[in-house]
All heavy atoms as atom14 arrays in JSON, in Angstrom:
{
  "sequence": "NKTYVTEFVILGFLTLPELKLLLFVVFSCLYFLT",
  "atom14_mask": [
    [1, 1, 1, 1, 1, 1, 1, 1, 0, 0, 0, 0, 0, 0],
    [1, 1, 1, 1, 1, 1, 1, 1, 1, 0, 0, 0, 0, 0],
    [1, 1, 1, 1, 1, 1, 1, 0, 0, 0, 0, 0, 0, 0],
    [1, 1, 1, 1, 1, 1, 1, 1, 1, 1, 1, 1, 0, 0],
    [1, 1, 1, 1, 1, 1, 1, 0, 0, 0, 0, 0, 0, 0],
    [1, 1, 1, 1, 1, 1, 1, 0, 0, 0, 0, 0, 0, 0],
    [1, 1, 1, 1, 1, 1, 1, 1, 1, 0, 0, 0, 0, 0],
    [1, 1, 1, 1, 1, 1, 1, 1, 1, 1, 1, 0, 0, 0],
    [1, 1, 1, 1, 1, 1, 1, 0, 0, 0, 0, 0, 0, 0],
    [1, 1, 1, 1, 1, 1, 1, 1, 0, 0, 0, 0, 0, 0],
    [1, 1, 1, 1, 1, 1, 1, 1, 0, 0, 0, 0, 0, 0],
    [1, 1, 1, 1, 0, 0, 0, 0, 0, 0, 0, 0, 0, 0],
    [1, 1, 1, 1, 1, 1, 1, 1, 1, 1, 1, 0, 0, 0],
    [1, 1, 1, 1, 1, 1, 1, 1, 0, 0, 0, 0, 0, 0],
    [1, 1, 1, 1, 1, 1, 1, 0, 0, 0, 0, 0, 0, 0],
    [1, 1, 1, 1, 1, 1, 1, 1, 0, 0, 0, 0, 0, 0],
    [1, 1, 1, 1, 1, 1, 1, 0, 0, 0, 0, 0, 0, 0],
    [1, 1, 1, 1, 1, 1, 1, 1, 1, 0, 0, 0, 0, 0],
    [1, 1, 1, 1, 1, 1, 1, 1, 0, 0, 0, 0, 0, 0],
    [1, 1, 1, 1, 1, 1, 1, 1, 1, 0, 0, 0, 0, 0],
    [1, 1, 1, 1, 1, 1, 1, 1, 0, 0, 0, 0, 0, 0],
    [1, 1, 1, 1, 1, 1, 1, 1, 0, 0, 0, 0, 0, 0],
    [1, 1, 1, 1, 1, 1, 1, 1, 0, 0, 0, 0, 0, 0],
    [1, 1, 1, 1, 1, 1, 1, 1, 1, 1, 1, 0, 0, 0],
    [1, 1, 1, 1, 1, 1, 1, 0, 0, 0, 0, 0, 0, 0],
    [1, 1, 1, 1, 1, 1, 1, 0, 0, 0, 0, 0, 0, 0],
    [1, 1, 1, 1, 1, 1, 1, 1, 1, 1, 1, 0, 0, 0],
    [1, 1, 1, 1, 1, 1, 0, 0, 0, 0, 0, 0, 0, 0],
    [1, 1, 1, 1, 1, 1, 0, 0, 0, 0, 0, 0, 0, 0],
    [1, 1, 1, 1, 1, 1, 1, 1, 0, 0, 0, 0, 0, 0],
    [1, 1, 1, 1, 1, 1, 1, 1, 1, 1, 1, 1, 0, 0],
    [1, 1, 1, 1, 1, 1, 1, 1, 1, 1, 1, 0, 0, 0],
    [1, 1, 1, 1, 1, 1, 1, 1, 0, 0, 0, 0, 0, 0],
    [1, 1, 1, 1, 1, 1, 1, 0, 0, 0, 0, 0, 0, 0]
  ],
  "atom14_positions": [
    [[0.84, -1.19, 0.0], [0.0, 0.0, 0.0], [0.87, 1.25, 0.0], [1.82, 1.35, 0.77], [-0.9, 0.02, 1.24], [-1.96, -1.06, 1.17], [-2.47, -1.35, 0.09], [-2.29, -1.64, 2.32], [0.0, 0.0, 0.0], [0.0, 0.0, 0.0], [0.0, 0.0, 0.0], [0.0, 0.0, 0.0], [0.0, 0.0, 0.0], [0.0, 0.0, 0.0]],
    [[0.53, 2.19, -0.86], [1.26, 3.46, -0.93], [0.26, 4.61, -0.9], [-0.8, 4.54, -1.51], [2.1, 3.54, -2.2], [3.28, 2.57, -2.24], [4.12, 2.78, -3.48], [5.3, 1.83, -3.5], [6.14, 2.03, -4.72], [0.0, 0.0, 0.0], [0.0, 0.0, 0.0], [0.0, 0.0, 0.0], [0.0, 0.0, 0.0], [0.0, 0.0, 0.0]],
    [[0.63, 5.65, -0.16], [-0.18, 6.86, -0.13], [0.46, 7.88, -1.05], [1.6, 8.29, -0.82], [-0.27, 7.43, 1.31], [-0.8, 6.43, 2.17], [-1.14, 8.67, 1.34], [0.0, 0.0, 0.0], [0.0, 0.0, 0.0], [0.0, 0.0, 0.0], [0.0, 0.0, 0.0], [0.0, 0.0, 0.0], [0.0, 0.0, 0.0], [0.0, 0.0, 0.0]],
    [[-0.24, 8.26, -2.09], [0.34, 9.15, -3.06], [0.1, 10.61, -2.67], [-0.93, 10.96, -2.08], [-0.22, 8.87, -4.46], [0.29, 7.55, -5.01], [-0.43, 6.37, -4.84], [1.51, 7.5, -5.65], [0.04, 5.17, -5.33], [2.01, 6.29, -6.15], [1.26, 5.14, -5.98], [1.74, 3.95, -6.45], [0.0, 0.0, 0.0], [0.0, 0.0, 0.0]],
    [[1.04, 11.43, -3.02], [1.02, 12.85, -2.66], [-0.09, 13.57, -3.41], [-0.26, 13.39, -4.62], [2.39, 13.49, -2.99], [2.33, 15.0, -2.86], [3.47, 12.93, -2.07], [0.0, 0.0, 0.0], [0.0, 0.0, 0.0], [0.0, 0.0, 0.0], [0.0, 0.0, 0.0], [0.0, 0.0, 0.0], [0.0, 0.0, 0.0], [0.0, 0.0, 0.0]],
    [[-0.87, 14.38, -2.69], [-1.91, 15.21, -3.32], [-1.58, 16.69, -3.25], [-2.25, 17.5, -3.9], [-3.27, 14.98, -2.63], [-3.15, 15.29, -1.23], [-3.72, 13.52, -2.8], [0.0, 0.0, 0.0], [0.0, 0.0, 0.0], [0.0, 0.0, 0.0], [0.0, 0.0, 0.0], [0.0, 0.0, 0.0], [0.0, 0.0, 0.0], [0.0, 0.0, 0.0]],
    [[-0.58, 17.02, -2.45], [-0.12, 18.4, -2.36], [1.35, 18.42, -1.95], [1.88, 17.44, -1.43], [-0.96, 19.21, -1.36], [-0.86, 18.72, 0.06], [-1.71, 19.54, 1.03], [-2.54, 20.35, 0.57], [-1.52, 19.37, 2.24], [0.0, 0.0, 0.0], [0.0, 0.0, 0.0], [0.0, 0.0, 0.0], [0.0, 0.0, 0.0], [0.0, 0.0, 0.0]],
    [[1.99, 19.53, -2.22], [3.4, 19.69, -1.87], [3.56, 20.87, -0.92], [2.72, 21.78, -0.88], [4.25, 19.95, -3.12], [4.28, 18.8, -4.09], [3.43, 18.78, -5.19], [5.16, 17.74, -3.92], [3.45, 17.73, -6.09], [5.19, 16.68, -4.82], [4.34, 16.68, -5.9], [0.0, 0.0, 0.0], [0.0, 0.0, 0.0], [0.0, 0.0, 0.0]],
    [[4.65, 20.82, -0.17], [5.03, 21.94, 0.69], [6.26, 22.61, 0.09], [7.28, 21.96, -0.13], [5.34, 21.47, 2.13], [5.83, 22.64, 2.98], [4.11, 20.83, 2.75], [0.0, 0.0, 0.0], [0.0, 0.0, 0.0], [0.0, 0.0, 0.0], [0.0, 0.0, 0.0], [0.0, 0.0, 0.0], [0.0, 0.0, 0.0], [0.0, 0.0, 0.0]],
    [[6.14, 23.89, -0.22], [7.26, 24.64, -0.77], [8.12, 25.16, 0.38], [7.7, 26.04, 1.13], [6.77, 25.83, -1.63], [5.83, 25.35, -2.75], [7.96, 26.59, -2.21], [6.5, 24.51, -3.8], [0.0, 0.0, 0.0], [0.0, 0.0, 0.0], [0.0, 0.0, 0.0], [0.0, 0.0, 0.0], [0.0, 0.0, 0.0], [0.0, 0.0, 0.0]],
    [[9.3, 24.59, 0.54], [10.15, 24.97, 1.66], [10.63, 26.41, 1.51], [10.65, 27.18, 2.48], [11.36, 24.03, 1.74], [12.29, 24.23, 2.94], [11.53, 23.98, 4.25], [13.49, 23.29, 2.84], [0.0, 0.0, 0.0], [0.0, 0.0, 0.0], [0.0, 0.0, 0.0], [0.0, 0.0, 0.0], [0.0, 0.0, 0.0], [0.0, 0.0, 0.0]],
    [[11.0, 26.8, 0.29], [11.43, 28.17, 0.04], [12.55, 28.6, 0.96], [13.6, 27.94, 1.06], [0.0, 0.0, 0.0], [0.0, 0.0, 0.0], [0.0, 0.0, 0.0], [0.0, 0.0, 0.0], [0.0, 0.0, 0.0], [0.0, 0.0, 0.0], [0.0, 0.0, 0.0], [0.0, 0.0, 0.0], [0.0, 0.0, 0.0], [0.0, 0.0, 0.0]],
    [[12.31, 29.69, 1.68], [13.32, 30.24, 2.59], [12.86, 30.15, 4.05], [13.23, 30.98, 4.89], [13.62, 31.69, 2.22], [14.13, 31.83, 0.8], [13.26, 32.21, -0.21], [15.44, 31.54, 0.48], [13.71, 32.31, -1.52], [15.9, 31.65, -0.82], [15.03, 32.04, -1.83], [0.0, 0.0, 0.0], [0.0, 0.0, 0.0], [0.0, 0.0, 0.0]],
    [[12.03, 29.11, 4.34], [11.53, 28.94, 5.71], [12.64, 28.59, 6.69], [12.48, 28.76, 7.9], [10.46, 27.84, 5.73], [9.14, 28.17, 5.03], [8.2, 26.98, 5.1], [8.49, 29.4, 5.64], [0.0, 0.0, 0.0], [0.0, 0.0, 0.0], [0.0, 0.0, 0.0], [0.0, 0.0, 0.0], [0.0, 0.0, 0.0], [0.0, 0.0, 0.0]],
    [[13.77, 28.1, 6.17], [14.9, 27.78, 7.04], [15.66, 29.03, 7.48], [16.58, 28.94, 8.28], [15.88, 26.83, 6.31], [16.29, 27.43, 5.08], [15.21, 25.49, 6.04], [0.0, 0.0, 0.0], [0.0, 0.0, 0.0], [0.0, 0.0, 0.0], [0.0, 0.0, 0.0], [0.0, 0.0, 0.0], [0.0, 0.0, 0.0], [0.0, 0.0, 0.0]],
    [[15.26, 30.18, 6.94], [15.9, 31.46, 7.31], [14.84, 32.44, 7.82], [14.6, 33.48, 7.21], [16.62, 32.05, 6.09], [17.7, 31.19, 5.44], [18.13, 31.78, 4.11], [18.9, 31.04, 6.38], [0.0, 0.0, 0.0], [0.0, 0.0, 0.0], [0.0, 0.0, 0.0], [0.0, 0.0, 0.0], [0.0, 0.0, 0.0], [0.0, 0.0, 0.0]],
    [[14.19, 32.11, 8.94], [13.08, 32.95, 9.41], [13.5, 34.38, 9.74], [12.73, 35.32, 9.6], [12.6, 32.22, 10.68], [13.77, 31.39, 11.11], [14.46, 30.99, 9.85], [0.0, 0.0, 0.0], [0.0, 0.0, 0.0], [0.0, 0.0, 0.0], [0.0, 0.0, 0.0], [0.0, 0.0, 0.0], [0.0, 0.0, 0.0], [0.0, 0.0, 0.0]],
    [[14.76, 34.55, 10.14], [15.23, 35.88, 10.5], [15.41, 36.79, 9.28], [15.5, 38.02, 9.41], [16.57, 35.8, 11.27], [17.78, 35.31, 10.45], [17.83, 33.81, 10.26], [16.91, 33.14, 10.75], [18.8, 33.32, 9.65], [0.0, 0.0, 0.0], [0.0, 0.0, 0.0], [0.0, 0.0, 0.0], [0.0, 0.0, 0.0], [0.0, 0.0, 0.0]],
    [[15.43, 36.2, 8.09], [15.63, 36.98, 6.86], [14.36, 37.13, 6.04], [14.38, 37.77, 4.98], [16.71, 36.33, 5.98], [18.14, 36.28, 6.54], [19.06, 35.57, 5.56], [18.66, 37.7, 6.82], [0.0, 0.0, 0.0], [0.0, 0.0, 0.0], [0.0, 0.0, 0.0], [0.0, 0.0, 0.0], [0.0, 0.0, 0.0], [0.0, 0.0, 0.0]],
    [[13.26, 36.54, 6.49], [12.04, 36.52, 5.68], [11.53, 37.92, 5.35], [11.19, 38.2, 4.19], [10.95, 35.72, 6.4], [11.18, 34.22, 6.38], [10.13, 33.47, 7.16], [8.76, 33.56, 6.53], [7.76, 32.73, 7.23], [0.0, 0.0, 0.0], [0.0, 0.0, 0.0], [0.0, 0.0, 0.0], [0.0, 0.0, 0.0], [0.0, 0.0, 0.0]],
    [[11.51, 38.8, 6.31], [11.02, 40.16, 6.06], [11.94, 40.91, 5.11], [11.48, 41.59, 4.18], [10.88, 40.92, 7.38], [10.32, 42.35, 7.27], [8.93, 42.32, 6.63], [10.26, 43.0, 8.65], [0.0, 0.0, 0.0], [0.0, 0.0, 0.0], [0.0, 0.0, 0.0], [0.0, 0.0, 0.0], [0.0, 0.0, 0.0], [0.0, 0.0, 0.0]],
    [[13.23, 40.77, 5.33], [14.21, 41.43, 4.46], [14.09, 40.9, 3.03], [14.08, 41.68, 2.06], [15.63, 41.2, 4.98], [16.77, 41.74, 4.1], [16.66, 43.25, 3.98], [18.13, 41.33, 4.68], [0.0, 0.0, 0.0], [0.0, 0.0, 0.0], [0.0, 0.0, 0.0], [0.0, 0.0, 0.0], [0.0, 0.0, 0.0], [0.0, 0.0, 0.0]],
    [[13.99, 39.58, 2.88], [13.85, 38.99, 1.56], [12.56, 39.44, 0.88], [12.54, 39.71, -0.33], [13.87, 37.45, 1.66], [15.2, 36.81, 2.06], [15.03, 35.32, 2.28], [16.27, 37.07, 1.01], [0.0, 0.0, 0.0], [0.0, 0.0, 0.0], [0.0, 0.0, 0.0], [0.0, 0.0, 0.0], [0.0, 0.0, 0.0], [0.0, 0.0, 0.0]],
    [[11.49, 39.54, 1.66], [10.22, 39.99, 1.09], [10.34, 41.41, 0.54], [9.89, 41.7, -0.58], [9.12, 39.95, 2.15], [7.8, 40.46, 1.67], [6.95, 39.64, 0.94], [7.4, 41.77, 1.94], [5.73, 40.12, 0.48], [6.19, 42.26, 1.48], [5.35, 41.43, 0.74], [0.0, 0.0, 0.0], [0.0, 0.0, 0.0], [0.0, 0.0, 0.0]],
    [[10.96, 42.29, 1.3], [11.11, 43.69, 0.86], [12.0, 43.77, -0.38], [11.66, 44.45, -1.37], [11.69, 44.55, 2.0], [12.02, 45.96, 1.49], [10.72, 44.63, 3.16], [0.0, 0.0, 0.0], [0.0, 0.0, 0.0], [0.0, 0.0, 0.0], [0.0, 0.0, 0.0], [0.0, 0.0, 0.0], [0.0, 0.0, 0.0], [0.0, 0.0, 0.0]],
    [[13.14, 43.07, -0.34], [14.1, 43.12, -1.46], [13.47, 42.57, -2.74], [13.52, 43.21, -3.8], [15.39, 42.34, -1.11], [16.26, 42.19, -2.35], [16.16, 43.05, -0.01], [0.0, 0.0, 0.0], [0.0, 0.0, 0.0], [0.0, 0.0, 0.0], [0.0, 0.0, 0.0], [0.0, 0.0, 0.0], [0.0, 0.0, 0.0], [0.0, 0.0, 0.0]],
    [[12.85, 41.38, -2.65], [12.31, 40.76, -3.86], [11.04, 41.46, -4.34], [10.75, 41.44, -5.54], [12.06, 39.27, -3.62], [13.31, 38.47, -3.44], [13.46, 37.59, -2.39], [14.37, 38.63, -4.32], [14.63, 36.87, -2.22], [15.54, 37.91, -4.16], [15.68, 37.03, -3.11], [0.0, 0.0, 0.0], [0.0, 0.0, 0.0], [0.0, 0.0, 0.0]],
    [[10.3, 42.08, -3.43], [9.14, 42.88, -3.86], [9.6, 44.07, -4.7], [9.0, 44.38, -5.73], [8.36, 43.38, -2.63], [7.77, 42.32, -1.94], [0.0, 0.0, 0.0], [0.0, 0.0, 0.0], [0.0, 0.0, 0.0], [0.0, 0.0, 0.0], [0.0, 0.0, 0.0], [0.0, 0.0, 0.0], [0.0, 0.0, 0.0], [0.0, 0.0, 0.0]],
    [[10.66, 44.73, -4.25], [11.2, 45.86, -4.99], [11.75, 45.42, -6.36], [11.5, 46.07, -7.38], [12.3, 46.55, -4.19], [11.73, 47.38, -2.69], [0.0, 0.0, 0.0], [0.0, 0.0, 0.0], [0.0, 0.0, 0.0], [0.0, 0.0, 0.0], [0.0, 0.0, 0.0], [0.0, 0.0, 0.0], [0.0, 0.0, 0.0], [0.0, 0.0, 0.0]],
    [[12.48, 44.3, -6.37], [13.04, 43.8, -7.63], [11.93, 43.39, -8.59], [12.02, 43.67, -9.8], [13.96, 42.61, -7.36], [15.27, 42.92, -6.62], [16.04, 41.63, -6.35], [16.13, 43.88, -7.43], [0.0, 0.0, 0.0], [0.0, 0.0, 0.0], [0.0, 0.0, 0.0], [0.0, 0.0, 0.0], [0.0, 0.0, 0.0], [0.0, 0.0, 0.0]],
    [[10.9, 42.75, -8.08], [9.78, 42.34, -8.93], [9.05, 43.56, -9.5], [8.71, 43.6, -10.69], [8.81, 41.46, -8.15], [7.61, 41.02, -8.94], [7.75, 40.2, -10.05], [6.32, 41.45, -8.6], [6.65, 39.79, -10.8], [5.22, 41.05, -9.33], [5.38, 40.23, -10.43], [4.31, 39.85, -11.18], [0.0, 0.0, 0.0], [0.0, 0.0, 0.0]],
    [[8.84, 44.56, -8.65], [8.18, 45.79, -9.11], [8.98, 46.46, -10.22], [8.42, 46.86, -11.25], [8.01, 46.75, -7.93], [7.45, 48.09, -8.32], [6.11, 48.26, -8.59], [8.3, 49.2, -8.41], [5.6, 49.5, -8.96], [7.81, 50.44, -8.78], [6.45, 50.59, -9.06], [0.0, 0.0, 0.0], [0.0, 0.0, 0.0], [0.0, 0.0, 0.0]],
    [[10.29, 46.56, -10.04], [11.15, 47.17, -11.05], [11.16, 46.36, -12.34], [11.19, 46.92, -13.45], [12.57, 47.33, -10.51], [12.76, 48.33, -9.36], [14.18, 48.25, -8.81], [12.45, 49.75, -9.82], [0.0, 0.0, 0.0], [0.0, 0.0, 0.0], [0.0, 0.0, 0.0], [0.0, 0.0, 0.0], [0.0, 0.0, 0.0], [0.0, 0.0, 0.0]],
    [[11.14, 45.03, -12.2], [11.1, 44.16, -13.38], [9.83, 44.38, -14.18], [9.86, 44.51, -15.41], [11.2, 42.68, -12.96], [12.44, 42.47, -12.28], [11.14, 41.76, -14.17], [0.0, 0.0, 0.0], [0.0, 0.0, 0.0], [0.0, 0.0, 0.0], [0.0, 0.0, 0.0], [0.0, 0.0, 0.0], [0.0, 0.0, 0.0], [0.0, 0.0, 0.0]]
  ]
}
């Protein structure tokens, strides 16, 4: 018996919780400029 995946978890930058706000601001600005 195997349980097949129906959804995924995107790890992203969750391993760097102290940088999440900084990354959000930086990438928001870069995306806006793009």
